[in-house]
Amino acid sequence: MTAHTEPEPDVEQLLDVFKALANPVRLQVLRWLREPARHFPVERAIADPVEVGVCVTHIQEKTGLAQSTVSAYMAELQRAGLVRATRVGKWTHYKRDEARIAGLVATLGHTL
């Protein structure tokens, strides 16, 4: 019988990331956000998608999912530390948190 130990903080952090990325739509959105000008309508943006992020409305349009589903997906990515949210007027914009992603990749490299 093996002793049950609590996961280390880095491991818990990685588990949250893996859970967020386990959904194919969330994974795809994160990939799209790597190159927002390529994947989203820049001409319709109310803020610079590279600097501020992509409006949740544009993410919803691209996925074809309900607004509530996309909002829940983006909240999950944000809780995992993969994206940051910025309000512009009444709209929420999402941008990848590249520093955090790089840190997670480094943690993964040290953990496995």
C-alpha atoms as a PDB file:
ATOM      1  CA  MET A   1       0.000   0.000   0.000  1.00  0.00           C
ATOM      2  CA  THR A   2       1.420   3.381  -0.944  1.00  0.00           C
ATOM      3  CA  ALA A   3       1.188   6.464   1.236  1.00  0.00           C
ATOM      4  CA  HIS A   4      -1.091   9.195  -0.062  1.00  0.00           C
ATOM      5  CA  THR A   5       0.594  12.582  -0.110  1.00  0.00           C
ATOM      6  CA  GLU A   6      -0.766  15.957  -1.083  1.00  0.00           C
ATOM      7  CA  PRO A   7       0.411  17.194  -4.500  1.00  0.00           C
ATOM      8  CA  GLU A   8       3.141  19.820  -4.460  1.00  0.00           C
ATOM      9  CA  PRO A   9       2.045  23.367  -5.442  1.00  0.00           C
ATOM     10  CA  ASP A  10       3.764  23.109  -8.836  1.00  0.00           C
ATOM     11  CA  VAL A  11       2.007  19.814  -9.510  1.00  0.00           C
ATOM     12  CA  GLU A  12      -1.395  21.271  -8.553  1.00  0.00           C
ATOM     13  CA  GLN A  13      -0.718  24.177 -10.907  1.00  0.00           C
ATOM     14  CA  LEU A  14       0.102  21.788 -13.743  1.00  0.00           C
ATOM     15  CA  LEU A  15      -3.022  19.733 -13.053  1.00  0.00           C
ATOM     16  CA  ASP A  16      -5.164  22.877 -13.408  1.00  0.00           C
ATOM     17  CA  VAL A  17      -3.468  23.626 -16.728  1.00  0.00           C
ATOM     18  CA  PHE A  18      -3.939  20.063 -17.987  1.00  0.00           C
ATOM     19  CA  LYS A  19      -7.633  20.192 -17.050  1.00  0.00           C
ATOM     20  CA  ALA A  20      -8.065  23.477 -18.913  1.00  0.00           C
ATOM     21  CA  LEU A  21      -6.278  22.133 -21.992  1.00  0.00           C
ATOM     22  CA  ALA A  22      -8.135  18.798 -21.955  1.00  0.00           C
ATOM     23  CA  ASN A  23     -11.008  20.434 -23.814  1.00  0.00           C
ATOM     24  CA  PRO A  24     -10.262  20.647 -27.565  1.00  0.00           C
ATOM     25  CA  VAL A  25     -12.058  23.984 -27.993  1.00  0.00           C
ATOM     26  CA  ARG A  26     -10.136  25.635 -25.152  1.00  0.00           C
ATOM     27  CA  LEU A  27      -6.905  24.290 -26.595  1.00  0.00           C
ATOM     28  CA  GLN A  28      -7.814  25.637 -30.044  1.00  0.00           C
ATOM     29  CA  VAL A  29      -8.729  29.065 -28.672  1.00  0.00           C
ATOM     30  CA  LEU A  30      -5.377  29.254 -26.910  1.00  0.00           C
ATOM     31  CA  ARG A  31      -3.673  28.392 -30.199  1.00  0.00           C
ATOM     32  CA  TRP A  32      -5.684  31.064 -32.057  1.00  0.00           C
ATOM     33  CA  LEU A  33      -4.728  33.644 -29.439  1.00  0.00           C
ATOM     34  CA  ARG A  34      -1.048  33.013 -30.196  1.00  0.00           C
ATOM     35  CA  GLU A  35      -1.589  34.872 -33.508  1.00  0.00           C
ATOM     36  CA  PRO A  36      -4.704  36.997 -32.995  1.00  0.00           C
ATOM     37  CA  ALA A  37      -4.285  39.132 -36.128  1.00  0.00           C
ATOM     38  CA  ARG A  38      -4.229  35.965 -38.234  1.00  0.00           C
ATOM     39  CA  HIS A  39      -7.280  34.315 -36.687  1.00  0.00           C
ATOM     40  CA  PHE A  40      -9.635  37.150 -35.737  1.00  0.00           C
ATOM     41  CA  PRO A  41     -11.170  40.120 -37.627  1.00  0.00           C
ATOM     42  CA  VAL A  42      -8.713  42.908 -36.785  1.00  0.00           C
ATOM     43  CA  GLU A  43     -10.720  45.426 -38.805  1.00  0.00           C
ATOM     44  CA  ARG A  44     -13.691  44.932 -36.431  1.00  0.00           C
ATOM     45  CA  ALA A  45     -11.638  45.098 -33.230  1.00  0.00           C
ATOM     46  CA  ILE A  46     -12.315  47.929 -30.789  1.00  0.00           C
ATOM     47  CA  ALA A  47      -8.866  47.436 -29.222  1.00  0.00           C
ATOM     48  CA  ASP A  48      -5.528  46.190 -30.503  1.00  0.00           C
ATOM     49  CA  PRO A  49      -5.795  42.387 -30.346  1.00  0.00           C
ATOM     50  CA  VAL A  50      -2.030  42.005 -29.956  1.00  0.00           C
ATOM     51  CA  GLU A  51      -1.707  44.519 -27.111  1.00  0.00           C
ATOM     52  CA  VAL A  52      -5.083  44.198 -25.346  1.00  0.00           C
ATOM     53  CA  GLY A  53      -6.453  40.881 -26.558  1.00  0.00           C
ATOM     54  CA  VAL A  54      -9.344  39.522 -28.577  1.00  0.00           C
ATOM     55  CA  CYS A  55     -12.933  40.423 -27.742  1.00  0.00           C
ATOM     56  CA  VAL A  56     -14.910  37.500 -26.346  1.00  0.00           C
ATOM     57  CA  THR A  57     -17.547  38.189 -29.039  1.00  0.00           C
ATOM     58  CA  HIS A  58     -15.028  37.413 -31.772  1.00  0.00           C
ATOM     59  CA  ILE A  59     -13.933  34.237 -29.974  1.00  0.00           C
ATOM     60  CA  GLN A  60     -17.591  33.223 -29.666  1.00  0.00           C
ATOM     61  CA  GLU A  61     -18.222  33.875 -33.384  1.00  0.00           C
ATOM     62  CA  LYS A  62     -15.188  31.825 -34.412  1.00  0.00           C
ATOM     63  CA  THR A  63     -16.070  28.849 -32.214  1.00  0.00           C
ATOM     64  CA  GLY A  64     -19.770  28.930 -33.106  1.00  0.00           C
ATOM     65  CA  LEU A  65     -20.631  28.131 -29.490  1.00  0.00           C
ATOM     66  CA  ALA A  66     -23.041  29.909 -27.167  1.00  0.00           C
ATOM     67  CA  GLN A  67     -21.727  33.029 -25.468  1.00  0.00           C
ATOM     68  CA  SER A  68     -22.195  31.453 -22.028  1.00  0.00           C
ATOM     69  CA  THR A  69     -20.140  28.406 -23.045  1.00  0.00           C
ATOM     70  CA  VAL A  70     -17.314  30.541 -24.418  1.00  0.00           C
ATOM     71  CA  SER A  71     -17.331  32.706 -21.294  1.00  0.00           C
ATOM     72  CA  ALA A  72     -17.067  29.587 -19.118  1.00  0.00           C
ATOM     73  CA  TYR A  73     -14.231  28.246 -21.295  1.00  0.00           C
ATOM     74  CA  MET A  74     -12.329  31.526 -21.095  1.00  0.00           C
ATOM     75  CA  ALA A  75     -12.818  31.670 -17.320  1.00  0.00           C
ATOM     76  CA  GLU A  76     -11.296  28.197 -17.077  1.00  0.00           C
ATOM     77  CA  LEU A  77      -8.271  29.267 -19.143  1.00  0.00           C
ATOM     78  CA  GLN A  78      -7.939  32.352 -16.963  1.00  0.00           C
ATOM     79  CA  ARG A  79      -8.098  30.338 -13.717  1.00  0.00           C
ATOM     80  CA  ALA A  80      -5.345  28.109 -15.082  1.00  0.00           C
ATOM     81  CA  GLY A  81      -3.231  31.204 -15.724  1.00  0.00           C
ATOM     82  CA  LEU A  82      -3.103  30.761 -19.482  1.00  0.00           C
ATOM     83  CA  VAL A  83      -4.920  33.977 -20.446  1.00  0.00           C
ATOM     84  CA  ARG A  84      -5.509  37.428 -18.972  1.00  0.00           C
ATOM     85  CA  ALA A  85      -8.768  39.315 -19.234  1.00  0.00           C
ATOM     86  CA  THR A  86      -9.030  43.059 -19.871  1.00  0.00           C
ATOM     87  CA  ARG A  87     -12.254  45.051 -19.937  1.00  0.00           C
ATOM     88  CA  VAL A  88     -12.678  47.583 -22.745  1.00  0.00           C
ATOM     89  CA  GLY A  89     -15.990  49.318 -22.207  1.00  0.00           C
ATOM     90  CA  LYS A  90     -18.544  46.583 -21.717  1.00  0.00           C
ATOM     91  CA  TRP A  91     -16.471  43.973 -23.564  1.00  0.00           C
ATOM     92  CA  THR A  92     -13.943  41.523 -22.160  1.00  0.00           C
ATOM     93  CA  HIS A  93     -10.809  40.897 -24.199  1.00  0.00           C
ATOM     94  CA  TYR A  94      -8.538  37.894 -23.732  1.00  0.00           C
ATOM     95  CA  LYS A  95      -4.827  37.626 -24.345  1.00  0.00           C
ATOM     96  CA  ARG A  96      -2.409  34.773 -23.731  1.00  0.00           C
ATOM     97  CA  ASP A  97      -0.201  35.243 -20.683  1.00  0.00           C
ATOM     98  CA  GLU A  98       3.062  34.358 -22.403  1.00  0.00           C
ATOM     99  CA  ALA A  99       5.226  34.784 -19.286  1.00  0.00           C
ATOM    100  CA  ARG A 100       2.977  32.494 -17.297  1.00  0.00           C
ATOM    101  CA  ILE A 101       2.868  29.922 -20.116  1.00  0.00           C
ATOM    102  CA  ALA A 102       6.677  29.940 -20.308  1.00  0.00           C
ATOM    103  CA  GLY A 103       6.827  29.434 -16.539  1.00  0.00           C
ATOM    104  CA  LEU A 104       4.404  26.522 -16.765  1.00  0.00           C
ATOM    105  CA  VAL A 105       6.481  24.917 -19.503  1.00  0.00           C
ATOM    106  CA  ALA A 106       9.576  25.274 -17.310  1.00  0.00           C
ATOM    107  CA  THR A 107       7.705  23.793 -14.341  1.00  0.00           C
ATOM    108  CA  LEU A 108       6.627  20.886 -16.493  1.00  0.00           C
ATOM    109  CA  GLY A 109      10.233  20.313 -17.542  1.00  0.00           C
ATOM    110  CA  HIS A 110      11.385  20.231 -13.913  1.00  0.00           C
ATOM    111  CA  THR A 111       8.476  18.135 -12.682  1.00  0.00           C
ATOM    112  CA  LEU A 112       8.577  15.269 -15.158  1.00  0.00           C
END
